[in-house]
């Protein structure tokens, strides 16, 4: 099976090389370009494409892939909102994903954002490097006894609950699909009203698109901390900026951004960023943004590569895999 791995990054190569060494008959070509309508021609001659979160597999792209003879799409991530699944099925293209890859990786990154914002360690680091040891402006707050609300509580959310329990936080959860646990289940409105910190861990669907909008911000406590390590479009960015300007949001930590496909995973330090919304958002002193690195640990990349290759091997040999979408 010949596989075109789009949106390739150098850091992925050793993990995939190690994984394919354990399975015969799979050849991977690394393509730096993202997969979209303009680059789909690069899939010519391949049996499968391997894609990531910002590749665009809409109905047109999938139709082009089918015409090129591509039979399989392997997502090396859990979410599949960037793939028109209905069109894929209609075209006879099988889609597989990596449903879980070290949920602790994302949960721990989420906690890192919370702690960095709450204790202003990023600002303290820069001060000390300039031999400025003044503590004014660095006043933080304890996580202990704070109320933290999780919107969505799958494997990543459950891992974060364990961490928060260790800090002595009171954890609220809104997720209709889970049972009882070491948290308190509440309605979405109650979670928004009562939480000092809100963290998003739900998938992006038509229902959850812009789940955090102007009405949601109006329901939150003043000075709330909002964290998003899930999908950028869960938050209405323009409403978020308005909430920051009104000081409704006291702290904002993002590892994802609604229009990140035009920015993330590339070195743009010598460019003039054309996204005025992102520039405005990143200019607030109480905003911390990382470039979608929540998954980026050795353990997670090992699991992603191995599961992806296992999925491809199963498709090649027409054997069962539980990861078909």
Protein backbone atom coordinates (compact mmCIF):
# COMPACT_ATOMS: atom_id res chain seq x y z
CA UNK A 1 0.00 0.00 0.00
CA UNK A 2 1.38 3.40 -1.02
CA UNK A 3 0.43 6.20 1.38
CA UNK A 4 0.74 9.96 0.89
CA UNK A 5 1.14 11.60 4.29
CA UNK A 6 0.03 15.22 3.94
CA UNK A 7 0.87 18.13 6.28
CA UNK A 8 4.06 16.25 7.08
CA UNK A 9 6.36 17.57 9.78
CA UNK A 10 9.95 16.43 10.30
CA UNK A 11 9.24 15.49 13.89
CA UNK A 12 6.78 12.83 12.69
CA UNK A 13 9.19 10.95 10.43
CA UNK A 14 11.06 8.87 13.04
CA UNK A 15 7.81 7.81 14.72
CA UNK A 16 6.22 6.65 11.45
CA UNK A 17 9.46 5.04 10.27
CA UNK A 18 9.56 3.03 13.48
CA UNK A 19 5.89 2.04 13.13
CA UNK A 20 6.06 0.89 9.48
CA UNK A 21 9.17 -1.17 10.23
CA UNK A 22 6.87 -3.51 12.16
CA UNK A 23 4.41 -3.98 9.28
CA UNK A 24 5.31 -5.16 5.79
CA UNK A 25 3.79 -3.81 2.61
CA UNK A 26 3.23 -0.18 3.63
CA UNK A 27 5.19 2.64 2.00
CA UNK A 28 4.81 6.24 3.20
CA UNK A 29 5.74 9.37 1.24
CA UNK A 30 5.94 12.57 3.27
CA UNK A 31 4.29 15.63 1.71
CA UNK A 32 4.66 18.97 3.48
CA UNK A 33 1.62 20.52 1.76
CA UNK A 34 -1.77 20.44 3.40
CA UNK A 35 -4.39 18.44 1.52
CA UNK A 36 -7.01 20.63 -0.14
CA UNK A 37 -8.52 21.23 -3.59
CA UNK A 38 -5.29 22.86 -4.83
CA UNK A 39 -2.98 20.06 -3.71
CA UNK A 40 -5.13 16.96 -4.16
CA UNK A 41 -3.30 16.15 -7.42
CA UNK A 42 -0.28 15.20 -5.27
CA UNK A 43 -2.22 12.07 -4.20
CA UNK A 44 -1.99 10.64 -7.71
CA UNK A 45 -0.54 7.14 -7.69
CA UNK A 46 -1.29 6.47 -4.03
CA UNK A 47 -3.71 3.99 -2.47
CA UNK A 48 -4.28 6.04 0.67
CA UNK A 49 -3.81 9.51 2.11
CA UNK A 50 -2.88 10.19 5.72
CA UNK A 51 -4.12 13.55 6.99
CA UNK A 52 -4.14 15.77 10.06
CA UNK A 53 -6.52 18.26 11.68
CA UNK A 54 -6.15 21.13 9.21
CA UNK A 55 -6.34 19.14 5.98
CA UNK A 56 -9.58 19.85 4.11
CA UNK A 57 -11.38 16.77 2.84
CA UNK A 58 -14.63 18.26 1.63
CA UNK A 59 -16.89 16.62 -0.94
CA UNK A 60 -14.92 18.04 -3.88
CA UNK A 61 -11.55 16.90 -2.53
CA UNK A 62 -12.91 13.43 -1.79
CA UNK A 63 -14.36 13.20 -5.29
CA UNK A 64 -10.97 14.13 -6.74
CA UNK A 65 -9.29 11.53 -4.52
CA UNK A 66 -11.68 8.86 -5.76
CA UNK A 67 -10.93 9.78 -9.37
CA UNK A 68 -7.22 9.43 -8.62
CA UNK A 69 -7.83 5.93 -7.29
CA UNK A 70 -7.38 6.70 -3.59
CA UNK A 71 -9.41 4.19 -1.58
CA UNK A 72 -8.50 5.05 2.02
CA UNK A 73 -8.23 8.11 4.27
CA UNK A 74 -6.26 7.65 7.48
CA UNK A 75 -6.65 10.44 10.01
CA UNK A 76 -3.76 10.68 12.44
CA UNK A 77 -5.98 12.43 14.97
CA UNK A 78 -9.22 11.77 16.85
CA UNK A 79 -11.50 14.42 15.37
CA UNK A 80 -12.91 14.09 11.85
CA UNK A 81 -14.91 17.29 11.43
CA UNK A 82 -12.63 18.20 8.50
CA UNK A 83 -13.81 15.17 6.49
CA UNK A 84 -17.18 14.94 4.69
CA UNK A 85 -17.88 11.44 5.97
CA UNK A 86 -21.15 11.07 4.05
CA UNK A 87 -19.40 11.86 0.76
CA UNK A 88 -16.55 9.49 1.59
CA UNK A 89 -19.00 6.64 2.17
CA UNK A 90 -20.87 7.43 -1.04
CA UNK A 91 -17.58 7.31 -2.97
CA UNK A 92 -16.54 4.04 -1.37
CA UNK A 93 -13.60 5.63 0.47
CA UNK A 94 -12.95 4.09 3.88
CA UNK A 95 -11.99 6.49 6.67
CA UNK A 96 -10.09 5.52 9.82
CA UNK A 97 -8.87 7.60 12.74
CA UNK A 98 -6.87 7.49 15.97
CA UNK A 99 -9.61 7.70 18.60
CA UNK A 100 -7.26 7.96 21.56
CA UNK A 101 -3.60 8.86 21.92
CA UNK A 102 -2.36 9.59 25.40
CA UNK A 103 -5.27 11.68 26.68
CA UNK A 104 -2.96 12.66 29.52
CA UNK A 105 -0.86 14.63 27.02
CA UNK A 106 -3.68 17.07 26.23
CA UNK A 107 -4.96 17.11 29.81
CA UNK A 108 -1.52 17.99 31.16
CA UNK A 109 -1.09 20.73 28.55
CA UNK A 110 -4.47 22.11 29.56
CA UNK A 111 -3.31 22.18 33.17
CA UNK A 112 -0.08 23.87 32.08
CA UNK A 113 -2.12 26.66 30.48
CA UNK A 114 -4.21 27.03 33.64
CA UNK A 115 -1.17 27.22 35.90
CA UNK A 116 0.76 29.54 33.60
CA UNK A 117 -2.13 31.98 33.46
CA UNK A 118 -3.00 31.72 37.14
CA UNK A 119 0.59 32.27 38.34
CA UNK A 120 1.83 34.38 35.39
CA UNK A 121 4.96 32.27 35.08
CA UNK A 122 5.43 33.27 31.43
CA UNK A 123 5.66 36.93 32.47
CA UNK A 124 7.90 36.14 35.45
CA UNK A 125 10.28 34.22 33.18
CA UNK A 126 10.71 37.22 30.88
CA UNK A 127 11.19 39.60 33.82
CA UNK A 128 13.90 37.55 35.47
CA UNK A 129 15.79 37.21 32.18
CA UNK A 130 15.93 41.02 32.20
CA UNK A 131 17.05 41.00 35.86
CA UNK A 132 13.70 42.43 36.95
CA UNK A 133 12.61 40.76 40.20
CA UNK A 134 9.63 42.98 40.96
CA UNK A 135 6.54 40.98 41.97
CA UNK A 136 4.01 43.72 41.24
CA UNK A 137 1.64 42.57 38.51
CA UNK A 138 2.36 38.88 39.11
CA UNK A 139 -0.28 38.20 41.76
CA UNK A 140 -1.87 34.83 41.11
CA UNK A 141 -4.53 32.61 42.65
CA UNK A 142 -4.82 29.08 44.00
CA UNK A 143 -6.44 26.30 41.99
CA UNK A 144 -7.31 24.68 45.33
CA UNK A 145 -11.02 25.18 46.16
CA UNK A 146 -11.73 26.81 42.79
CA UNK A 147 -14.69 25.58 40.73
CA UNK A 148 -13.55 24.22 37.37
CA UNK A 149 -16.12 23.39 34.70
CA UNK A 150 -15.43 20.89 31.93
CA UNK A 151 -17.61 21.00 28.84
CA UNK A 152 -17.18 17.50 27.51
CA UNK A 153 -15.62 14.75 29.57
CA UNK A 154 -14.33 11.95 27.39
CA UNK A 155 -10.91 10.39 27.90
CA UNK A 156 -9.11 13.74 27.94
CA UNK A 157 -11.67 15.25 30.27
CA UNK A 158 -11.44 12.26 32.59
CA UNK A 159 -7.65 12.62 32.71
CA UNK A 160 -8.04 16.30 33.56
CA UNK A 161 -10.55 15.49 36.31
CA UNK A 162 -7.91 13.31 37.98
CA UNK A 163 -5.39 16.15 37.83
CA UNK A 164 -7.88 18.71 39.16
CA UNK A 165 -8.88 16.42 42.01
CA UNK A 166 -5.21 16.30 43.00
CA UNK A 167 -5.20 20.09 43.21
CA UNK A 168 -8.30 20.06 45.42
CA UNK A 169 -10.53 21.81 42.89
CA UNK A 170 -14.30 21.38 42.71
CA UNK A 171 -15.03 19.91 39.28
CA UNK A 172 -18.28 20.42 37.39
CA UNK A 173 -18.99 18.52 34.18
CA UNK A 174 -21.47 19.04 31.38
CA UNK A 175 -21.59 16.00 29.11
CA UNK A 176 -24.84 14.13 28.38
CA UNK A 177 -22.91 11.02 27.33
CA UNK A 178 -21.08 10.13 30.56
CA UNK A 179 -22.01 8.48 33.83
CA UNK A 180 -21.21 9.34 37.41
CA UNK A 181 -17.66 10.01 38.50
CA UNK A 182 -15.50 12.07 40.82
CA UNK A 183 -17.17 15.27 39.64
CA UNK A 184 -20.57 16.92 39.77
CA UNK A 185 -22.75 16.73 36.67
CA UNK A 186 -24.63 19.95 35.93
CA UNK A 187 -26.43 21.69 33.10
CA UNK A 188 -24.44 23.82 30.68
CA UNK A 189 -26.04 26.98 32.04
CA UNK A 190 -25.15 26.09 35.63
CA UNK A 191 -21.59 25.28 34.62
CA UNK A 192 -21.20 28.64 32.88
CA UNK A 193 -22.69 30.48 35.87
CA UNK A 194 -20.69 28.79 38.63
CA UNK A 195 -17.24 28.04 37.19
CA UNK A 196 -14.14 30.08 37.98
CA UNK A 197 -12.32 28.20 35.22
CA UNK A 198 -13.97 26.68 32.13
CA UNK A 199 -12.20 24.15 29.91
CA UNK A 200 -13.52 22.83 26.59
CA UNK A 201 -13.18 19.13 25.73
CA UNK A 202 -16.09 18.39 23.40
CA UNK A 203 -15.88 17.53 19.68
CA UNK A 204 -16.70 20.08 17.00
CA UNK A 205 -20.08 19.36 15.43
CA UNK A 206 -22.90 21.42 13.98
CA UNK A 207 -24.37 21.56 17.50
CA UNK A 208 -21.18 22.67 19.23
CA UNK A 209 -19.98 25.14 16.59
CA UNK A 210 -19.65 28.50 18.41
CA UNK A 211 -20.98 26.88 21.56
CA UNK A 212 -19.20 29.63 23.46
CA UNK A 213 -20.87 32.69 21.97
CA UNK A 214 -22.00 36.09 23.23
CA UNK A 215 -24.84 34.57 25.25
CA UNK A 216 -22.47 32.08 26.87
CA UNK A 217 -19.99 34.82 27.78
CA UNK A 218 -22.80 36.88 29.30
CA UNK A 219 -23.72 33.90 31.52
CA UNK A 220 -20.17 33.44 32.87
CA UNK A 221 -18.68 34.99 35.99
CA UNK A 222 -16.75 38.21 35.50
CA UNK A 223 -13.03 37.47 35.44
CA UNK A 224 -13.51 33.84 34.40
CA UNK A 225 -10.64 31.82 32.96
CA UNK A 226 -11.46 30.08 29.66
CA UNK A 227 -9.27 27.29 28.24
CA UNK A 228 -9.65 25.62 24.85
CA UNK A 229 -7.47 22.65 23.86
CA UNK A 230 -10.16 20.99 21.73
CA UNK A 231 -11.24 22.72 18.50
CA UNK A 232 -10.99 26.42 17.69
CA UNK A 233 -14.48 26.85 16.28
CA UNK A 234 -16.08 25.92 19.61
CA UNK A 235 -15.51 29.60 20.46
CA UNK A 236 -16.94 32.56 18.56
CA UNK A 237 -13.68 34.49 18.29
CA UNK A 238 -15.28 37.90 17.72
CA UNK A 239 -17.54 37.43 20.76
CA UNK A 240 -14.46 36.33 22.70
CA UNK A 241 -12.60 39.52 21.82
CA UNK A 242 -15.60 41.58 22.92
CA UNK A 243 -15.66 39.67 26.24
CA UNK A 244 -11.94 40.33 26.72
CA UNK A 245 -12.39 44.04 26.04
CA UNK A 246 -15.27 44.16 28.53
CA UNK A 247 -13.08 42.32 31.10
CA UNK A 248 -15.64 39.53 31.29
CA UNK A 249 -12.79 37.12 30.56
CA UNK A 250 -9.98 37.50 33.04
CA UNK A 251 -7.73 34.85 31.51
CA UNK A 252 -7.79 33.08 28.14
CA UNK A 253 -5.67 30.05 27.25
CA UNK A 254 -5.86 28.64 23.71
CA UNK A 255 -4.08 25.76 22.04
CA UNK A 256 -6.44 25.96 19.07
CA UNK A 257 -7.84 28.79 16.97
CA UNK A 258 -10.83 29.00 14.64
CA UNK A 259 -8.74 29.90 11.57
CA UNK A 260 -5.56 28.08 12.60
CA UNK A 261 -5.16 26.22 9.31
CA UNK A 262 -3.72 29.39 7.79
CA UNK A 263 -1.25 29.91 10.65
CA UNK A 264 -0.28 26.93 12.76
CA UNK A 265 2.49 24.34 12.26
CA UNK A 266 4.69 26.72 10.24
CA UNK A 267 7.43 29.22 11.10
CA UNK A 268 5.88 32.59 10.29
CA UNK A 269 8.30 34.71 12.31
CA UNK A 270 9.47 36.59 9.20
CA UNK A 271 5.96 37.15 7.85
CA UNK A 272 3.37 39.86 8.34
CA UNK A 273 0.37 38.05 9.79
CA UNK A 274 -2.67 38.87 7.66
CA UNK A 275 -5.25 37.58 10.14
CA UNK A 276 -6.28 40.76 11.94
CA UNK A 277 -8.52 38.84 14.32
CA UNK A 278 -5.66 36.64 15.51
CA UNK A 279 -3.34 39.62 15.88
CA UNK A 280 -5.94 41.42 18.02
CA UNK A 281 -6.57 38.31 20.09
CA UNK A 282 -2.90 37.62 20.75
CA UNK A 283 -2.30 41.24 21.75
CA UNK A 284 -4.23 41.04 25.01
CA UNK A 285 -1.96 40.80 28.09
CA UNK A 286 -4.18 38.15 29.68
CA UNK A 287 -4.20 35.81 26.67
CA UNK A 288 -1.84 32.84 26.27
CA UNK A 289 -1.79 31.00 22.93
CA UNK A 290 0.15 27.88 21.99
CA UNK A 291 0.23 26.51 18.45
CA UNK A 292 -1.81 23.30 18.79
CA UNK A 293 0.84 21.43 20.75
CA UNK A 294 -1.37 19.77 23.34
CA UNK A 295 -0.85 16.39 21.66
CA UNK A 296 2.89 16.92 21.24
CA UNK A 297 4.57 14.39 23.52
CA UNK A 298 6.75 11.38 22.76
CA UNK A 299 4.10 9.05 24.14
CA UNK A 300 1.31 10.56 22.05
CA UNK A 301 3.29 10.63 18.79
CA UNK A 302 4.33 7.01 19.30
CA UNK A 303 0.68 6.02 19.78
CA UNK A 304 -0.54 8.12 16.84
CA UNK A 305 1.97 6.62 14.43
CA UNK A 306 1.46 3.04 15.58
CA UNK A 307 -2.35 3.22 15.52
CA UNK A 308 -2.34 4.91 12.11
CA UNK A 309 -0.09 2.25 10.60
CA UNK A 310 -2.15 -0.54 12.21
CA UNK A 311 -5.27 1.02 10.68
CA UNK A 312 -3.65 1.10 7.24
CA UNK A 313 -2.44 -2.49 7.59
CA UNK A 314 -5.97 -3.62 8.48
CA UNK A 315 -7.42 -1.78 5.47
CA UNK A 316 -4.80 -3.30 3.17
CA UNK A 317 -5.58 -6.83 4.35
CA UNK A 318 -9.34 -6.23 4.74
CA UNK A 319 -9.28 -7.21 8.39
CA UNK A 320 -11.29 -5.66 11.21
CA UNK A 321 -10.30 -2.39 12.84
CA UNK A 322 -12.47 -0.66 15.45
CA UNK A 323 -11.27 2.73 14.23
CA UNK A 324 -13.37 3.01 11.06
CA UNK A 325 -15.46 6.19 10.99
